[in-house]
């Protein structure tokens, strides 16, 4: 069971097309905390690379992850929700170093469903990068503060399930 301190500080993570933005908005609205889309932290160069179908390298990702970490750190006292692919453990470690109490809500689902979602949306991330994202993804490890949830239910149902699986405590550690 993961732990969610109040006000919540959550990264909604997963590969492109899993619904990070929708679920992130729903979670932020539930707790009346700010939401930020991780895509807003990408440089123009990163967006151009992805738009052209070129996967990002770690060197491309470090400044992006550090900027998201700064946002999380700035919202530590007041809470917030941000969407971020956070595909590898080392990327999540950057976010945890910036905001140690952060919890991860990892969204995952069937390849064909994700592909279909990506084909029917207006986003710079092309479907051609889906396989690269799937190959890069490292599942949450038992010592990470987070939950893995299926993308099939509605965003509200996913938020409900996340909260049901999470020990919610106030900022002092009390239930």
Protein backbone atom coordinates (compact mmCIF):
# COMPACT_ATOMS: atom_id res chain seq x y z
CA UNK A 1 0.00 0.00 0.00
CA UNK A 2 1.35 3.41 -0.95
CA UNK A 3 1.11 6.49 1.20
CA UNK A 4 -0.47 9.78 0.21
CA UNK A 5 0.08 12.71 2.53
CA UNK A 6 -2.28 15.65 2.54
CA UNK A 7 -2.31 17.93 0.75
CA UNK A 8 -1.45 15.38 -1.97
CA UNK A 9 1.66 15.64 -4.11
CA UNK A 10 1.24 13.18 -6.98
CA UNK A 11 2.90 12.35 -10.28
CA UNK A 12 0.51 10.64 -12.69
CA UNK A 13 2.87 8.55 -14.79
CA UNK A 14 2.94 6.15 -17.71
CA UNK A 15 3.58 6.01 -21.42
CA UNK A 16 1.97 8.39 -23.87
CA UNK A 17 -1.72 7.80 -24.48
CA UNK A 18 -2.66 6.29 -21.11
CA UNK A 19 -4.69 9.31 -19.98
CA UNK A 20 -2.26 11.00 -17.60
CA UNK A 21 -3.73 14.45 -18.23
CA UNK A 22 -7.35 13.43 -17.73
CA UNK A 23 -6.63 11.46 -14.57
CA UNK A 24 -4.30 14.18 -13.30
CA UNK A 25 -7.00 16.83 -13.74
CA UNK A 26 -9.56 14.60 -11.98
CA UNK A 27 -7.23 13.97 -9.04
CA UNK A 28 -6.28 17.64 -8.70
CA UNK A 29 -9.94 18.67 -8.80
CA UNK A 30 -10.80 16.08 -6.15
CA UNK A 31 -8.35 17.69 -3.72
CA UNK A 32 -8.57 21.27 -5.02
CA UNK A 33 -4.83 21.46 -5.72
CA UNK A 34 -3.01 22.76 -8.81
CA UNK A 35 -2.48 20.54 -11.84
CA UNK A 36 0.32 20.90 -14.36
CA UNK A 37 0.90 18.88 -17.51
CA UNK A 38 4.45 17.59 -17.76
CA UNK A 39 4.49 18.43 -21.46
CA UNK A 40 4.56 22.13 -20.49
CA UNK A 41 8.08 21.60 -19.11
CA UNK A 42 9.54 20.24 -22.38
CA UNK A 43 11.91 22.43 -24.36
CA UNK A 44 11.02 23.35 -27.92
CA UNK A 45 13.86 21.08 -29.01
CA UNK A 46 12.38 18.09 -27.18
CA UNK A 47 8.95 18.70 -28.70
CA UNK A 48 10.48 19.01 -32.16
CA UNK A 49 12.36 15.72 -31.73
CA UNK A 50 9.28 13.85 -30.56
CA UNK A 51 7.10 15.43 -33.26
CA UNK A 52 9.60 14.13 -35.82
CA UNK A 53 9.33 10.63 -34.34
CA UNK A 54 12.71 10.68 -32.61
CA UNK A 55 12.78 9.27 -29.07
CA UNK A 56 14.30 11.49 -26.40
CA UNK A 57 17.65 10.57 -24.88
CA UNK A 58 18.45 10.77 -21.20
CA UNK A 59 20.37 13.99 -21.90
CA UNK A 60 17.17 15.43 -23.39
CA UNK A 61 15.16 14.35 -20.37
CA UNK A 62 17.33 15.53 -17.44
CA UNK A 63 16.50 19.27 -17.70
CA UNK A 64 12.80 18.39 -18.19
CA UNK A 65 12.76 16.14 -15.13
CA UNK A 66 14.63 18.72 -13.06
CA UNK A 67 12.04 21.37 -14.01
CA UNK A 68 9.20 19.05 -12.98
CA UNK A 69 11.08 18.32 -9.75
CA UNK A 70 11.33 22.05 -9.09
CA UNK A 71 7.56 22.37 -9.60
CA UNK A 72 6.93 19.51 -7.19
CA UNK A 73 9.29 21.03 -4.63
CA UNK A 74 7.58 24.43 -4.95
CA UNK A 75 4.20 22.74 -4.32
CA UNK A 76 5.34 20.49 -1.49
CA UNK A 77 3.56 22.46 1.24
CA UNK A 78 0.38 23.19 -0.70
CA UNK A 79 0.07 20.01 -2.78
CA UNK A 80 -0.27 19.48 -6.49
CA UNK A 81 -0.59 16.96 -9.27
CA UNK A 82 1.63 16.77 -12.35
CA UNK A 83 1.59 14.37 -15.27
CA UNK A 84 4.97 13.00 -16.32
CA UNK A 85 5.86 9.81 -18.14
CA UNK A 86 8.56 9.01 -15.52
CA UNK A 87 9.35 5.89 -17.52
CA UNK A 88 12.47 4.75 -15.68
CA UNK A 89 13.31 4.39 -12.00
CA UNK A 90 16.22 6.80 -12.36
CA UNK A 91 13.81 9.45 -13.70
CA UNK A 92 11.46 8.92 -10.77
CA UNK A 93 14.42 9.17 -8.41
CA UNK A 94 15.06 12.70 -9.73
CA UNK A 95 11.49 13.64 -8.82
CA UNK A 96 11.69 12.00 -5.39
CA UNK A 97 14.98 13.78 -4.66
CA UNK A 98 13.22 17.09 -5.34
CA UNK A 99 10.06 16.18 -3.40
CA UNK A 100 10.54 13.14 -1.13
CA UNK A 101 6.86 12.75 -0.22
CA UNK A 102 5.66 12.46 -3.83
CA UNK A 103 3.40 9.52 -4.68
CA UNK A 104 3.15 7.95 -8.13
CA UNK A 105 -0.07 6.95 -9.86
CA UNK A 106 1.14 4.68 -12.68
CA UNK A 107 -1.39 4.21 -15.47
CA UNK A 108 -1.02 1.18 -17.72
CA UNK A 109 -3.13 -0.65 -20.25
CA UNK A 110 -3.45 -2.77 -23.33
CA UNK A 111 -1.15 -1.82 -26.23
CA UNK A 112 -3.99 -1.76 -28.78
CA UNK A 113 -6.17 0.48 -26.61
CA UNK A 114 -3.31 2.93 -26.07
CA UNK A 115 -2.49 2.91 -29.78
CA UNK A 116 -6.14 3.64 -30.62
CA UNK A 117 -6.20 6.53 -28.14
CA UNK A 118 -3.02 7.97 -29.63
CA UNK A 119 -4.42 7.73 -33.17
CA UNK A 120 -7.50 9.77 -32.18
CA UNK A 121 -5.94 12.71 -30.39
CA UNK A 122 -4.20 15.93 -31.33
CA UNK A 123 -0.78 15.69 -29.68
CA UNK A 124 2.83 16.11 -30.77
CA UNK A 125 3.73 12.55 -29.70
CA UNK A 126 3.31 10.32 -32.77
CA UNK A 127 2.06 6.74 -32.55
CA UNK A 128 5.43 5.66 -33.97
CA UNK A 129 7.03 6.32 -30.55
CA UNK A 130 4.65 4.02 -28.65
CA UNK A 131 6.94 0.99 -28.92
CA UNK A 132 9.96 3.03 -27.80
CA UNK A 133 8.04 4.21 -24.73
CA UNK A 134 6.90 0.67 -23.92
CA UNK A 135 10.49 -0.60 -24.22
CA UNK A 136 11.82 2.19 -21.96
CA UNK A 137 9.15 1.81 -19.26
CA UNK A 138 10.30 0.32 -15.95
CA UNK A 139 7.47 -0.70 -13.63
CA UNK A 140 7.23 0.80 -10.16
CA UNK A 141 9.34 -1.16 -7.72
CA UNK A 142 8.04 -2.32 -4.32
CA UNK A 143 10.03 0.35 -2.46
CA UNK A 144 8.55 3.19 -4.55
CA UNK A 145 5.56 5.11 -3.18
CA UNK A 146 2.94 4.44 -5.80
CA UNK A 147 0.19 2.35 -7.31
CA UNK A 148 -0.23 0.73 -10.74
CA UNK A 149 -3.75 1.07 -12.14
CA UNK A 150 -5.48 -0.01 -15.33
CA UNK A 151 -6.64 2.69 -17.76
CA UNK A 152 -9.93 1.03 -18.72
CA UNK A 153 -12.14 2.69 -16.05
CA UNK A 154 -13.13 6.36 -16.23
CA UNK A 155 -10.74 8.96 -14.78
CA UNK A 156 -13.05 9.39 -11.75
CA UNK A 157 -13.06 5.63 -11.15
CA UNK A 158 -9.26 5.51 -11.46
CA UNK A 159 -8.97 8.28 -8.86
CA UNK A 160 -11.37 6.39 -6.57
CA UNK A 161 -9.31 3.20 -6.94
CA UNK A 162 -6.05 5.06 -6.30
CA UNK A 163 -7.44 6.55 -3.11
CA UNK A 164 -8.88 3.19 -2.02
CA UNK A 165 -5.47 1.55 -2.42
CA UNK A 166 -3.55 4.38 -0.78
CA UNK A 167 -3.07 5.08 2.88
CA UNK A 168 -4.12 8.74 3.11
CA UNK A 169 -2.57 10.62 6.01
CA UNK A 170 -2.36 14.27 6.95
CA UNK A 171 0.94 16.12 6.65
CA UNK A 172 1.89 15.17 10.22
CA UNK A 173 1.59 11.45 9.49
CA UNK A 174 -1.75 10.94 11.26
CA UNK A 175 -4.60 9.09 9.58
